Amino acid sequence: MALIRGSGVLFERIGAGLTYSHAYFPRCAGAFLHSTKWSETDKKSLARVTLFSKPTGCSLCVVAKKALLPFSNRIELIEIDITLPESRQWFDKYQYEIPVVHFNGQFLMKHLVDAKLLESTLVNWEKEQKLSK
């Protein structure tokens, strides 16, 4: 089992492809613990959204997490804490740009989450997925 800690997120990779995420958003309304289990099939049917952030001192990161919550049933959210030693490459690239959002491994936006842009990107990706089946 491998543990990957991000800003407010703990991912557990267990055996053959089961992933659990435990996300704690202390500054979001009502502070809650969100836990999701994804199978390999589920992950293939969800777009991967990566949020590059830091655990403290980044109010925009808190706002970004909150803005991504309405999409939680349609995306696999991976949160990368750029302050961790294993995230040095992302710190060097994004230390003055966070939060940064990637969609399926490609840069999508920085500083603020544009929900309309994410929605349109997600809708287009979902259409492509339906066509490819």
Protein backbone atom coordinates (compact mmCIF):
# COMPACT_ATOMS: atom_id res chain seq x y z
CA MET A 1 0.00 0.00 0.00
CA ALA A 2 1.36 3.41 -0.97
CA LEU A 3 0.21 6.63 0.62
CA ILE A 4 0.35 9.87 -1.32
CA ARG A 5 -0.42 13.01 0.65
CA GLY A 6 -1.60 16.16 -1.02
CA SER A 7 -2.95 19.36 0.41
CA GLY A 8 -5.87 18.03 2.37
CA VAL A 9 -5.95 14.77 0.43
CA LEU A 10 -4.62 11.34 1.24
CA PHE A 11 -4.63 8.73 -1.49
CA GLU A 12 -4.13 5.06 -0.79
CA ARG A 13 -3.17 2.79 -3.61
CA ILE A 14 -4.07 -0.69 -2.55
CA GLY A 15 -3.08 -3.73 -4.56
CA ALA A 16 -4.36 -4.09 -8.10
CA GLY A 17 -5.75 -0.70 -8.83
CA LEU A 18 -8.11 0.15 -6.00
CA THR A 19 -7.70 3.74 -4.93
CA TYR A 20 -9.26 5.46 -1.98
CA SER A 21 -9.06 9.17 -1.49
CA HIS A 22 -9.68 10.89 1.79
CA ALA A 23 -10.12 14.61 1.39
CA TYR A 24 -10.47 16.96 4.29
CA PHE A 25 -11.40 20.52 3.46
CA PRO A 26 -11.11 22.35 6.80
CA ARG A 27 -11.87 25.81 5.47
CA CYS A 28 -14.78 24.86 3.23
CA ALA A 29 -18.28 25.43 4.53
CA GLY A 30 -19.01 22.93 7.25
CA ALA A 31 -15.58 21.21 7.12
CA PHE A 32 -16.10 17.63 6.06
CA LEU A 33 -14.29 14.44 5.29
CA HIS A 34 -14.94 13.07 1.82
CA SER A 35 -13.98 9.50 1.03
CA THR A 36 -14.34 7.89 -2.37
CA LYS A 37 -13.43 4.47 -3.67
CA TRP A 38 -12.56 4.13 -7.33
CA SER A 39 -12.12 0.91 -9.23
CA GLU A 40 -10.04 0.78 -12.42
CA THR A 41 -13.27 0.84 -14.46
CA ASP A 42 -14.55 3.89 -12.61
CA LYS A 43 -11.28 5.74 -13.10
CA LYS A 44 -11.38 5.10 -16.86
CA SER A 45 -14.86 6.63 -17.05
CA LEU A 46 -13.87 9.78 -15.12
CA ALA A 47 -11.75 12.67 -16.34
CA ARG A 48 -8.62 13.20 -14.27
CA VAL A 49 -8.33 16.69 -12.80
CA THR A 50 -5.11 17.52 -10.99
CA LEU A 51 -4.99 20.42 -8.56
CA PHE A 52 -1.52 21.73 -7.71
CA SER A 53 -1.66 23.59 -4.40
CA LYS A 54 -0.12 24.01 -0.94
CA PRO A 55 -1.61 23.03 2.41
CA THR A 56 -1.22 26.41 4.11
CA GLY A 57 -0.92 30.04 3.17
CA CYS A 58 -2.91 29.79 -0.05
CA SER A 59 -6.42 31.18 0.20
CA LEU A 60 -6.91 30.76 -3.55
CA CYS A 61 -6.23 27.02 -3.13
CA VAL A 62 -9.08 26.77 -0.63
CA VAL A 63 -11.38 28.60 -3.06
CA ALA A 64 -10.26 26.29 -5.90
CA LYS A 65 -11.03 23.15 -3.87
CA LYS A 66 -14.47 24.47 -3.07
CA ALA A 67 -15.08 25.33 -6.74
CA LEU A 68 -14.18 21.76 -7.78
CA LEU A 69 -16.61 20.13 -5.33
CA PRO A 70 -19.67 20.29 -7.65
CA PHE A 71 -17.72 18.21 -10.19
CA SER A 72 -16.75 15.48 -7.71
CA ASN A 73 -19.06 12.85 -9.20
CA ARG A 74 -17.67 13.43 -12.72
CA ILE A 75 -13.93 13.74 -12.11
CA GLU A 76 -11.10 11.93 -10.42
CA LEU A 77 -9.49 14.72 -8.40
CA ILE A 78 -5.80 14.33 -7.71
CA GLU A 79 -4.33 16.98 -5.45
CA ILE A 80 -0.60 17.60 -5.48
CA ASP A 81 1.02 19.40 -2.56
CA ILE A 82 3.85 21.24 -4.30
CA THR A 83 5.69 21.78 -1.00
CA LEU A 84 6.50 18.08 -0.57
CA PRO A 85 10.05 17.00 -1.50
CA GLU A 86 8.72 14.53 -4.09
CA SER A 87 6.86 17.39 -5.79
CA ARG A 88 9.94 19.56 -6.31
CA GLN A 89 9.47 19.75 -10.10
CA TRP A 90 5.96 21.15 -9.59
CA PHE A 91 7.17 23.61 -6.94
CA ASP A 92 9.81 24.92 -9.33
CA LYS A 93 7.22 25.30 -12.08
CA TYR A 94 4.19 26.57 -10.13
CA GLN A 95 5.40 28.14 -6.88
CA TYR A 96 4.04 31.56 -7.89
CA GLU A 97 1.09 30.31 -9.94
CA ILE A 98 -0.98 28.12 -7.59
CA PRO A 99 -3.58 26.91 -7.66
CA VAL A 100 -3.04 25.28 -11.05
CA VAL A 101 -5.45 22.83 -12.64
CA HIS A 102 -4.59 20.19 -15.23
CA PHE A 103 -7.25 18.26 -17.13
CA ASN A 104 -6.14 14.75 -18.12
CA GLY A 105 -2.51 15.77 -17.80
CA GLN A 106 -2.78 19.03 -19.74
CA PHE A 107 -2.69 22.55 -18.29
CA LEU A 108 -6.20 24.02 -18.10
CA MET A 109 -6.13 27.05 -15.76
CA LYS A 110 -4.36 28.80 -12.90
CA HIS A 111 -5.10 31.16 -10.00
CA LEU A 112 -8.90 30.78 -10.09
CA VAL A 113 -11.07 27.83 -11.11
CA ASP A 114 -13.22 28.85 -14.05
CA ALA A 115 -16.24 26.56 -13.58
CA LYS A 116 -17.59 27.35 -17.05
CA LEU A 117 -14.30 26.41 -18.69
CA LEU A 118 -14.08 23.20 -16.68
CA GLU A 119 -17.70 22.34 -17.48
CA SER A 120 -17.24 22.86 -21.23
CA THR A 121 -13.97 20.92 -21.23
CA LEU A 122 -15.63 18.12 -19.28
CA VAL A 123 -18.69 18.02 -21.57
CA ASN A 124 -16.45 17.81 -24.65
CA TRP A 125 -14.39 15.04 -23.06
CA GLU A 126 -17.53 13.11 -22.07
CA LYS A 127 -18.85 13.38 -25.65
CA GLU A 128 -15.55 12.02 -26.97
CA GLN A 129 -15.75 9.15 -24.51
CA LYS A 130 -19.26 8.22 -25.68
CA LEU A 131 -18.20 8.35 -29.33
CA SER A 132 -15.16 6.15 -28.72
CA LYS A 133 -17.27 3.36 -27.17
